[in-house]
Protein backbone atom coordinates (compact mmCIF):
# COMPACT_ATOMS: atom_id res chain seq x y z
CA MET A 1 -48.27 -48.41 8.60
CA GLN A 2 -50.33 -49.89 5.73
CA ALA A 3 -48.18 -51.85 3.44
CA ARG A 4 -48.64 -51.05 -0.27
CA GLN A 5 -49.22 -53.73 -2.95
CA PRO A 6 -46.08 -55.28 -4.34
CA GLY A 7 -44.62 -53.81 -7.45
CA ALA A 8 -41.26 -52.80 -8.92
CA ILE A 9 -39.80 -49.49 -7.84
CA ALA A 10 -39.60 -48.10 -11.29
CA ALA A 11 -43.14 -48.77 -12.39
CA GLY A 12 -45.29 -49.94 -9.53
CA GLY A 13 -45.76 -53.34 -11.25
CA ARG A 14 -44.85 -55.25 -14.20
CA ARG A 15 -43.94 -53.16 -17.20
CA ARG A 16 -46.54 -53.43 -20.02
CA TYR A 17 -44.60 -52.98 -23.06
CA LEU A 18 -42.37 -55.42 -25.23
CA LEU A 19 -38.78 -55.53 -24.40
CA HIS A 20 -36.37 -54.53 -27.03
CA MET A 21 -33.71 -56.66 -25.42
CA THR A 22 -34.48 -60.23 -24.65
CA GLU A 23 -31.13 -61.37 -23.11
CA PRO A 24 -31.61 -62.32 -19.53
CA VAL A 25 -29.91 -60.81 -16.56
CA GLN A 26 -27.74 -63.50 -14.87
CA VAL A 27 -28.16 -63.66 -11.09
CA ILE A 28 -25.67 -65.74 -9.23
CA GLY A 29 -26.62 -66.88 -5.77
CA GLY A 30 -30.01 -68.07 -4.51
CA GLY A 31 -29.90 -66.49 -1.02
CA LEU A 32 -32.05 -63.64 0.15
CA ALA A 33 -30.28 -60.96 -2.01
CA GLY A 34 -30.32 -63.03 -5.19
CA CYS A 35 -33.88 -64.04 -4.80
CA GLU A 36 -34.88 -60.39 -4.22
CA ALA A 37 -32.78 -59.19 -7.20
CA ALA A 38 -34.35 -61.78 -9.45
CA TRP A 39 -37.92 -60.90 -8.27
CA GLN A 40 -37.38 -57.22 -8.87
CA LEU A 41 -35.94 -57.79 -12.30
CA ALA A 42 -39.01 -59.99 -13.23
CA ARG A 43 -41.48 -57.51 -11.88
CA CYS A 44 -39.85 -54.83 -14.21
CA GLY A 45 -40.36 -57.23 -17.21
CA VAL A 46 -36.76 -58.34 -17.45
CA PRO A 47 -35.97 -62.07 -18.03
CA VAL A 48 -33.73 -63.59 -15.36
CA VAL A 49 -31.58 -66.68 -15.02
CA LEU A 50 -31.17 -67.28 -11.28
CA ARG A 51 -28.23 -69.59 -10.66
CA GLU A 52 -27.86 -71.53 -7.37
CA MET A 53 -25.18 -74.14 -6.92
CA ARG A 54 -27.11 -76.14 -4.14
CA PRO A 55 -27.75 -79.08 -4.17
CA THR A 56 -25.21 -79.68 -7.04
CA ARG A 57 -22.56 -78.32 -4.67
CA ARG A 58 -23.38 -78.05 -1.00
CA THR A 59 -22.00 -75.55 1.51
CA GLU A 60 -20.94 -76.22 5.14
CA ALA A 61 -23.85 -74.14 6.51
CA HIS A 62 -26.89 -75.05 4.37
CA VAL A 63 -29.00 -78.22 4.88
CA THR A 64 -31.75 -77.91 2.18
CA ALA A 65 -31.95 -77.14 -1.48
CA ASP A 66 -34.50 -74.37 -0.96
CA LEU A 67 -33.80 -70.95 -2.07
CA ALA A 68 -33.41 -68.20 0.52
CA GLU A 69 -32.72 -70.77 3.28
CA LEU A 70 -31.96 -69.03 6.63
CA VAL A 71 -28.78 -70.64 8.00
CA CYS A 72 -28.59 -68.89 11.29
CA SER A 73 -31.36 -67.06 13.26
CA ASN A 74 -35.01 -66.98 12.06
CA SER A 75 -35.31 -63.40 13.06
CA PHE A 76 -35.41 -60.35 10.83
CA ARG A 77 -34.88 -58.24 14.03
CA SER A 78 -37.05 -55.35 15.12
CA ASP A 79 -40.22 -54.41 13.02
CA GLU A 80 -40.76 -51.13 14.80
CA TRP A 81 -40.35 -48.62 11.98
CA GLU A 82 -40.45 -45.43 14.03
CA THR A 83 -37.66 -46.18 16.47
CA ASN A 84 -35.45 -48.82 14.86
CA ALA A 85 -33.53 -48.41 11.56
CA VAL A 86 -34.03 -52.08 10.71
CA GLY A 87 -37.65 -51.73 11.30
CA LEU A 88 -37.84 -48.71 9.03
CA LEU A 89 -36.00 -50.72 6.29
CA HIS A 90 -38.70 -53.35 6.70
CA GLU A 91 -41.29 -50.72 5.87
CA GLU A 92 -39.47 -49.27 3.13
CA MET A 93 -38.95 -52.64 1.40
CA ARG A 94 -42.67 -53.41 1.85
CA ARG A 95 -43.44 -50.20 0.03
CA CYS A 96 -40.99 -51.19 -2.79
CA GLY A 97 -42.70 -54.53 -3.33
CA SER A 98 -40.14 -56.73 -1.68
CA LEU A 99 -40.63 -60.46 -2.16
CA ILE A 100 -38.64 -61.19 0.95
CA LEU A 101 -40.70 -58.96 3.19
CA ARG A 102 -43.92 -60.20 1.68
CA GLN A 103 -43.18 -63.87 2.56
CA ALA A 104 -41.69 -62.96 5.93
CA ASP A 105 -44.88 -61.27 6.88
CA ALA A 106 -46.85 -64.30 5.54
CA HIS A 107 -44.83 -66.77 7.55
CA LYS A 108 -44.23 -64.73 10.73
CA VAL A 109 -44.11 -66.43 14.17
CA PRO A 110 -44.59 -64.78 17.61
CA ALA A 111 -41.45 -62.82 18.52
CA GLY A 112 -42.54 -59.73 20.44
CA SER A 113 -41.73 -56.56 18.49
CA ALA A 114 -39.41 -58.46 16.13
CA LEU A 115 -40.16 -60.07 12.76
CA ALA A 116 -39.27 -63.73 12.97
CA VAL A 117 -40.31 -66.32 10.52
CA ASP A 118 -41.08 -70.02 10.17
CA ARG A 119 -37.82 -70.71 8.32
CA VAL A 120 -38.96 -73.75 6.44
CA GLY A 121 -42.27 -72.26 5.22
CA PHE A 122 -40.47 -69.02 4.36
CA ALA A 123 -37.87 -70.60 2.17
CA GLN A 124 -40.28 -72.92 0.41
CA ALA A 125 -42.59 -69.96 -0.37
CA ILE A 126 -39.77 -67.96 -1.84
CA THR A 127 -38.72 -70.94 -3.93
CA ALA A 128 -42.25 -71.56 -5.17
CA ALA A 129 -42.86 -67.87 -5.98
CA LEU A 130 -39.80 -67.64 -8.14
CA ALA A 131 -40.40 -71.01 -9.76
CA ALA A 132 -43.91 -69.85 -10.72
CA GLU A 133 -42.64 -66.47 -12.24
CA PRO A 134 -42.53 -67.00 -16.01
CA LEU A 135 -39.60 -64.52 -16.47
CA VAL A 136 -37.34 -66.31 -13.96
CA THR A 137 -35.47 -69.46 -14.95
CA ILE A 138 -33.90 -71.25 -12.05
CA LEU A 139 -30.66 -73.19 -12.81
CA ARG A 140 -28.83 -75.42 -10.29
CA ASP A 141 -25.17 -74.95 -11.28
CA GLU A 142 -21.98 -73.48 -9.91
CA VAL A 143 -20.26 -70.42 -11.39
CA ALA A 144 -16.75 -71.43 -10.51
CA GLY A 145 -14.79 -68.57 -12.10
CA LEU A 146 -15.35 -65.22 -13.91
CA PRO A 147 -18.85 -65.15 -15.45
CA PRO A 148 -18.65 -65.61 -19.27
CA ALA A 149 -18.08 -62.60 -21.36
CA ALA A 150 -21.39 -63.34 -23.21
CA TRP A 151 -23.29 -62.51 -19.96
CA ASP A 152 -23.55 -58.77 -20.36
CA SER A 153 -25.43 -58.09 -17.14
CA VAL A 154 -24.63 -60.11 -14.09
CA VAL A 155 -25.69 -59.76 -10.43
CA ILE A 156 -23.35 -61.55 -7.96
CA ALA A 157 -25.01 -62.27 -4.78
CA THR A 158 -23.08 -65.20 -3.40
CA GLY A 159 -22.85 -64.13 0.21
CA PRO A 160 -20.19 -64.94 2.80
CA LEU A 161 -19.77 -68.50 1.46
CA THR A 162 -18.75 -67.61 -2.12
CA SER A 163 -17.21 -70.53 -4.01
CA PRO A 164 -13.42 -70.30 -4.07
CA GLY A 165 -13.15 -70.15 -7.75
CA LEU A 166 -15.55 -67.20 -8.10
CA ALA A 167 -14.02 -65.48 -5.10
CA GLU A 168 -10.55 -65.89 -6.67
CA ALA A 169 -11.89 -64.50 -10.04
CA ILE A 170 -13.36 -61.46 -8.30
CA ARG A 171 -10.20 -60.88 -6.51
CA GLY A 172 -8.05 -61.04 -9.70
CA LEU A 173 -10.36 -58.76 -11.59
CA SER A 174 -10.67 -56.11 -8.87
CA GLY A 175 -7.08 -56.06 -7.61
CA GLU A 176 -8.41 -56.04 -4.18
CA GLU A 177 -8.44 -58.91 -1.44
CA SER A 178 -11.69 -60.38 -0.70
CA LEU A 179 -11.51 -61.33 2.88
CA ALA A 180 -11.80 -65.12 3.28
CA PHE A 181 -10.53 -65.58 6.83
CA PHE A 182 -11.71 -64.65 10.29
CA ASP A 183 -12.38 -61.00 10.00
CA ALA A 184 -12.42 -59.59 13.42
CA ILE A 185 -14.65 -56.61 13.42
CA ALA A 186 -14.23 -53.70 15.83
CA PRO A 187 -17.14 -52.18 17.61
CA ILE A 188 -18.74 -48.88 16.40
CA VAL A 189 -20.08 -46.27 18.90
CA TYR A 190 -22.61 -43.49 18.29
CA ARG A 191 -20.56 -40.19 18.63
CA GLU A 192 -23.38 -38.54 20.69
CA THR A 193 -23.05 -41.19 23.38
CA ILE A 194 -19.32 -40.58 24.14
CA ASP A 195 -18.58 -38.66 27.15
CA LEU A 196 -16.36 -35.77 25.98
CA ALA A 197 -16.10 -34.42 29.55
CA ARG A 198 -13.67 -37.30 30.18
CA ALA A 199 -12.39 -38.05 26.63
CA TRP A 200 -10.80 -35.60 24.23
CA PHE A 201 -9.92 -35.04 20.57
CA GLN A 202 -6.22 -35.30 19.61
CA SER A 203 -3.96 -37.14 17.07
CA ARG A 204 -0.76 -38.64 18.18
CA TYR A 205 1.79 -35.83 18.34
CA ASP A 206 -0.95 -33.68 16.85
CA LYS A 207 -0.07 -34.79 13.47
CA PRO A 208 -2.76 -34.23 10.85
CA GLY A 209 -3.32 -37.12 8.49
CA PRO A 210 -4.85 -36.87 4.95
CA GLY A 211 -7.86 -34.65 5.36
CA GLY A 212 -7.18 -34.41 9.10
CA THR A 213 -6.66 -31.56 11.56
CA GLY A 214 -4.33 -32.98 14.09
CA ALA A 215 -7.25 -33.65 16.46
CA ASP A 216 -8.77 -36.55 14.60
CA TYR A 217 -9.21 -39.28 17.31
CA ILE A 218 -11.31 -39.47 20.41
CA ASN A 219 -9.03 -40.53 23.36
CA CYS A 220 -10.25 -42.22 26.46
CA PRO A 221 -7.50 -42.48 29.15
CA LEU A 222 -6.94 -45.27 31.67
CA ASP A 223 -4.67 -45.10 34.65
CA ARG A 224 -2.66 -48.13 35.81
CA ASP A 225 -5.42 -49.78 37.93
CA GLN A 226 -8.12 -49.16 35.22
CA TYR A 227 -5.86 -50.69 32.61
CA TYR A 228 -5.11 -53.88 34.43
CA ALA A 229 -8.62 -54.34 35.58
CA PHE A 230 -9.72 -53.96 31.90
CA VAL A 231 -6.99 -56.50 30.72
CA ASP A 232 -8.12 -58.99 33.27
CA ALA A 233 -11.73 -58.55 32.28
CA LEU A 234 -10.93 -59.20 28.61
CA ILE A 235 -9.06 -62.46 29.37
CA ALA A 236 -11.84 -63.77 31.64
CA GLY A 237 -14.80 -62.62 29.51
CA ASP A 238 -17.11 -65.14 27.77
CA LYS A 239 -16.18 -65.67 24.19
CA THR A 240 -18.20 -66.79 21.22
CA ASP A 241 -17.67 -70.40 19.85
CA PHE A 242 -16.72 -71.17 16.31
CA LYS A 243 -18.84 -73.26 14.14
CA ASP A 244 -17.29 -76.63 13.19
CA TRP A 245 -16.66 -75.57 9.64
CA GLU A 246 -14.85 -72.43 10.71
CA THR A 247 -12.34 -74.04 12.99
CA SER A 248 -9.77 -74.63 10.24
CA THR A 249 -9.69 -70.94 9.09
CA PRO A 250 -6.74 -69.11 10.67
CA TYR A 251 -6.73 -65.65 12.27
CA PHE A 252 -5.34 -62.82 10.25
CA GLU A 253 -2.28 -61.87 12.27
CA GLY A 254 -2.63 -58.13 11.45
CA CYS A 255 -6.14 -58.11 12.81
CA LEU A 256 -6.03 -60.10 16.03
CA PRO A 257 -8.93 -59.96 18.53
CA ILE A 258 -8.14 -57.81 21.43
CA GLU A 259 -8.60 -60.55 23.99
CA VAL A 260 -6.09 -62.82 22.11
CA MET A 261 -3.58 -59.94 22.23
CA ALA A 262 -4.34 -59.42 25.90
CA ALA A 263 -3.63 -63.17 26.61
CA ARG A 264 -0.15 -62.89 25.09
CA GLY A 265 0.96 -60.65 28.04
CA ARG A 266 -0.78 -58.15 30.26
CA ASP A 267 1.17 -55.16 28.79
CA THR A 268 0.75 -56.27 25.29
CA LEU A 269 -2.18 -53.89 24.60
CA ARG A 270 -0.40 -50.96 26.31
CA PHE A 271 2.40 -51.31 23.57
CA GLY A 272 -0.19 -52.05 20.88
CA PRO A 273 -3.51 -50.47 20.08
CA MET A 274 -3.77 -48.90 23.62
CA LYS A 275 -0.34 -47.23 23.56
CA PRO A 276 -0.44 -43.65 24.98
CA VAL A 277 2.58 -42.27 23.09
CA GLY A 278 2.20 -38.70 21.63
CA LEU A 279 -0.93 -38.01 23.65
CA VAL A 280 -1.50 -35.67 26.69
CA ASP A 281 -4.73 -35.85 28.77
CA PRO A 282 -5.84 -32.18 29.02
CA GLN A 283 -7.38 -32.83 32.48
CA SER A 284 -4.06 -34.05 34.07
CA GLY A 285 -1.61 -32.46 31.73
CA ARG A 286 0.26 -35.77 31.48
CA ARG A 287 0.52 -38.76 29.17
CA PRO A 288 -2.02 -41.47 30.44
CA PHE A 289 -0.88 -44.95 31.41
CA ALA A 290 -2.90 -46.36 28.58
CA VAL A 291 -5.50 -44.95 26.06
CA VAL A 292 -8.37 -46.24 23.98
CA GLN A 293 -8.77 -44.39 20.58
CA LEU A 294 -11.86 -44.00 18.60
CA ARG A 295 -11.72 -42.97 14.93
CA GLN A 296 -14.39 -41.51 12.71
CA ASP A 297 -16.07 -44.20 10.65
CA ASN A 298 -18.37 -42.42 8.34
CA ALA A 299 -18.46 -39.22 6.30
CA LEU A 300 -21.23 -37.89 8.44
CA GLY A 301 -19.07 -38.08 11.53
CA THR A 302 -21.93 -39.74 13.59
CA LEU A 303 -20.07 -43.07 13.97
CA TYR A 304 -16.76 -43.81 15.66
CA ASN A 305 -15.02 -47.18 15.61
CA ILE A 306 -12.81 -48.33 18.63
CA VAL A 307 -9.39 -48.55 17.00
CA GLY A 308 -7.85 -52.13 17.27
CA PHE A 309 -10.76 -53.61 19.25
CA GLN A 310 -11.81 -56.29 17.00
CA THR A 311 -13.11 -59.08 19.33
CA LYS A 312 -14.87 -62.42 19.72
CA LEU A 313 -16.29 -61.53 23.16
CA THR A 314 -20.01 -62.23 23.50
CA TYR A 315 -22.19 -59.18 22.88
CA GLY A 316 -23.17 -59.03 26.54
CA GLU A 317 -19.60 -59.14 27.67
CA GLN A 318 -18.61 -56.43 25.16
CA LYS A 319 -21.17 -54.05 26.52
CA ARG A 320 -20.10 -54.84 30.18
CA ILE A 321 -16.39 -54.62 29.61
CA PHE A 322 -16.12 -51.69 27.25
CA ALA A 323 -18.29 -49.73 29.77
CA MET A 324 -15.16 -49.86 32.01
CA ILE A 325 -13.41 -47.52 29.70
CA PRO A 326 -13.52 -43.91 30.83
CA GLY A 327 -15.82 -41.92 28.55
CA LEU A 328 -17.61 -45.00 27.32
CA GLU A 329 -19.61 -45.78 30.38
CA ARG A 330 -22.86 -44.87 28.63
CA ALA A 331 -21.80 -45.55 25.14
CA GLU A 332 -24.42 -46.98 22.63
CA PHE A 333 -23.20 -49.25 19.94
CA ALA A 334 -24.09 -49.15 16.19
CA ARG A 335 -22.28 -52.34 15.72
CA LEU A 336 -20.64 -54.69 18.35
CA GLY A 337 -17.57 -56.53 17.55
CA GLY A 338 -17.48 -59.96 15.97
CA LEU A 339 -15.36 -62.71 14.45
CA HIS A 340 -16.38 -65.00 11.71
CA ARG A 341 -15.47 -66.46 8.39
CA ASN A 342 -16.56 -64.05 5.65
CA THR A 343 -16.13 -63.12 2.03
CA PHE A 344 -16.84 -59.47 1.16
CA ILE A 345 -15.38 -56.86 -1.20
CA ASN A 346 -14.23 -53.37 -0.32
CA ALA A 347 -17.30 -51.87 -1.72
CA PRO A 348 -16.59 -48.15 -1.09
CA ARG A 349 -13.47 -48.54 -3.21
CA LEU A 350 -14.54 -51.00 -5.84
CA LEU A 351 -18.26 -50.22 -6.57
CA ASP A 352 -19.97 -47.32 -8.25
CA GLY A 353 -23.08 -45.72 -7.01
CA THR A 354 -25.30 -48.23 -8.67
CA LEU A 355 -23.29 -51.31 -7.26
CA ARG A 356 -21.40 -52.03 -10.48
CA LEU A 357 -17.76 -53.12 -10.27
CA LYS A 358 -15.81 -50.17 -11.60
CA ALA A 359 -13.28 -52.49 -13.18
CA SER A 360 -15.96 -54.40 -15.01
CA PRO A 361 -19.38 -52.65 -15.07
CA ARG A 362 -21.26 -55.68 -16.51
CA LEU A 363 -20.95 -57.02 -12.92
CA ARG A 364 -23.16 -55.78 -10.06
CA PHE A 365 -23.02 -57.04 -6.53
CA ALA A 366 -25.85 -57.59 -4.11
CA GLY A 367 -26.22 -58.72 -0.50
CA GLN A 368 -23.69 -59.53 2.16
CA ILE A 369 -20.73 -59.71 -0.28
CA THR A 370 -21.08 -55.92 -0.54
CA GLY A 371 -20.34 -55.43 3.12
CA VAL A 372 -23.70 -55.21 4.63
CA GLU A 373 -24.56 -57.40 7.69
CA GLY A 374 -27.84 -59.18 8.27
CA TYR A 375 -30.69 -60.75 6.38
CA VAL A 376 -32.69 -57.65 5.80
CA GLU A 377 -29.86 -55.47 4.70
CA SER A 378 -28.66 -58.15 2.25
CA ALA A 379 -32.15 -58.48 0.79
CA ALA A 380 -32.41 -54.49 0.54
CA ILE A 381 -29.20 -54.40 -1.46
CA GLY A 382 -30.59 -57.19 -3.71
CA LEU A 383 -33.79 -55.07 -4.14
CA LEU A 384 -31.78 -52.18 -5.18
CA THR A 385 -29.49 -54.10 -7.49
CA GLY A 386 -32.37 -55.73 -9.23
CA ASN A 387 -33.94 -52.50 -9.92
CA PHE A 388 -30.77 -50.84 -11.13
CA ALA A 389 -30.08 -53.75 -13.47
CA ALA A 390 -33.67 -53.58 -14.83
CA ALA A 391 -33.42 -49.81 -15.52
CA GLU A 392 -30.27 -50.36 -17.37
CA ARG A 393 -31.92 -53.21 -19.44
CA HIS A 394 -34.68 -50.63 -20.43
CA GLY A 395 -32.06 -48.11 -21.51
CA GLU A 396 -32.69 -45.76 -18.49
CA ALA A 397 -30.51 -44.21 -15.87
CA PRO A 398 -31.12 -45.94 -12.43
CA SER A 399 -32.98 -43.86 -10.01
CA LEU A 400 -31.14 -43.83 -6.56
CA PRO A 401 -33.17 -43.72 -3.42
CA PRO A 402 -32.90 -40.58 -1.34
CA PRO A 403 -29.93 -40.69 1.17
CA THR A 404 -32.43 -39.82 3.87
CA THR A 405 -34.14 -43.24 3.55
CA ALA A 406 -32.91 -46.42 5.06
CA LEU A 407 -32.42 -47.85 1.49
CA GLY A 408 -30.47 -44.80 0.52
CA ALA A 409 -28.43 -44.46 3.68
CA LEU A 410 -27.37 -48.16 3.33
CA LEU A 411 -26.48 -47.74 -0.29
CA ALA A 412 -24.54 -44.58 0.31
CA HIS A 413 -22.56 -46.25 3.15
CA VAL A 414 -21.31 -49.12 1.02
CA THR A 415 -20.63 -47.05 -2.15
CA GLY A 416 -18.59 -44.29 -0.59
CA GLY A 417 -19.88 -43.11 2.80
CA ALA A 418 -17.73 -45.60 4.78
CA ASP A 419 -13.99 -45.27 5.05
CA ALA A 420 -12.48 -47.71 2.49
CA LYS A 421 -9.40 -48.16 4.70
CA THR A 422 -11.33 -49.56 7.61
CA PHE A 423 -14.41 -50.95 5.81
CA GLN A 424 -16.19 -53.86 7.63
CA PRO A 425 -19.67 -55.29 7.37
CA MET A 426 -22.32 -53.07 8.88
CA ASN A 427 -25.99 -53.28 9.89
CA CYS A 428 -28.52 -50.57 9.13
CA ASN A 429 -28.50 -47.95 11.80
CA PHE A 430 -29.66 -44.33 12.32
CA GLY A 431 -25.89 -43.30 12.47
CA LEU A 432 -25.84 -43.80 8.58
CA PHE A 433 -28.56 -41.27 8.01
CA PRO A 434 -27.89 -37.55 7.26
CA PRO A 435 -28.58 -35.41 10.20
CA LEU A 436 -31.82 -33.50 10.74
CA PRO A 437 -31.72 -29.65 10.21
CA GLU A 438 -29.18 -28.16 12.59
CA ALA A 439 -31.81 -26.44 14.90
CA MET A 440 -33.54 -29.85 15.31
CA GLU A 441 -30.22 -31.63 16.01
CA LYS A 442 -29.46 -29.30 18.85
CA THR A 443 -32.89 -29.82 20.56
CA VAL A 444 -34.08 -33.32 19.77
CA ARG A 445 -32.52 -36.41 21.17
CA GLY A 446 -33.01 -40.15 21.64
CA THR A 447 -36.35 -41.65 20.55
CA ASP A 448 -37.75 -38.38 19.49
CA ARG A 449 -34.88 -37.94 17.00
CA LYS A 450 -35.36 -41.37 15.60
CA ARG A 451 -38.92 -40.79 15.05
CA LEU A 452 -38.27 -37.60 13.03
CA LEU A 453 -35.60 -39.52 10.95
CA ALA A 454 -38.00 -42.30 10.28
CA ARG A 455 -40.94 -40.10 9.26
CA ARG A 456 -38.66 -37.97 7.07
CA ALA A 457 -37.38 -41.24 5.45
CA LEU A 458 -40.88 -42.59 4.64
CA ALA A 459 -41.94 -39.16 3.27
CA ASP A 460 -39.00 -38.98 1.02
CA LEU A 461 -39.31 -42.57 -0.08
CA ASP A 462 -43.02 -42.08 -1.09
CA ALA A 463 -42.04 -38.95 -3.00
CA TRP A 464 -39.31 -40.89 -4.78
CA LEU A 465 -41.48 -43.83 -5.53
CA GLY A 466 -44.17 -41.41 -6.92
CA ARG A 467 -41.68 -39.67 -9.18
CA ALA A 468 -40.37 -42.90 -10.46
CA ARG A 469 -43.73 -44.40 -11.18
CA ALA A 470 -44.85 -41.25 -12.95
CA ALA A 471 -41.79 -41.25 -15.06
CA ALA A 472 -42.45 -44.89 -16.00
CA GLU A 473 -45.96 -44.27 -17.32
């Protein structure tokens, strides 16, 4: 696909009229999301103060003072837009004038079909571009509490290592806990890859919950031998190592990794998340020895999370061991489990459709703190937040991307599409997209389905960009 020239979403470039408001938007955090938000604001003609606490205050993960420093991998993952949702997000961001994607393309290194970058050159180029932008002022200071009331428009893009003072202020204002411990994340499976010839729908004792029918869970049964083989595999499986700065953060007792529970006793899981009470296997007519339950994870019903299966097993071990579960032998995962220190808000409950905090609309959130996972997803939310804040500065209603696009699907997920009760960080994946027309959904599968979703996304994105630019002229 031919990348378009950079430019703000709303206008296709910098606005060419004088601002009636000159107060800058304050962007807190100089990571990928904060840098992208600042760039988009400036391209829309809005002055920005970008605040980054490094090097005044260092973090346990960063090693330089550069903006947009990559602290983990140097990969932005797949760049194949037709068959990979992250690659599609790359292409959409290019068309929207993303600074992050422009510099990633300029500093890419060989990585097969993935987009990987020279991390030093990439961060230095982002820093230089923002420093050279007349409408961006970069300040090296820490916002250690609630932003001052005089800041009438603020973007909080502080990521998983948000400073304790600001995290506490957000917690107090929102009334919700920001997770600042090891959040153990359960895997999420594509609904269409679960074998329902072996698994079945049922709630315990057929009880319907709020909005439920009494058949709200997918149940995968295990007999005695299958269960104990599974427990042994969990205990013996390879686990991920903690970073040095994470080792002092305790587990959350109410969300223990499944292998930690298994190590406490071989029957622990059978009386915990794998208890079979209130369930009857329709194939045998009896209660199974143990059961794995999957619960719907998004409003579209395309994703199901494995209940209670938060884990620190390596990705390879998760795929191998979870394939031992009847009904999940050929399951494909939208997200594998994980365990790491994190700070994020319950975005579906706390944010409105344009990423404003409902309790204090002058505050918008961007990046990983909203509950997206990954470099590209964080930058994408920064891109949207910057444009939403710019539209507001111009006295206009923000224009939301179509939900059929990668940008729109990701936005819809974190602002209401995900279940607030079980919300955990998520990568961009095709399970977040609205289905194709019913006739197509019945006949098109696999790669062909992904191509149709991707082509629909770019067509709808181009139409949206054209309407937004026409309205701005």
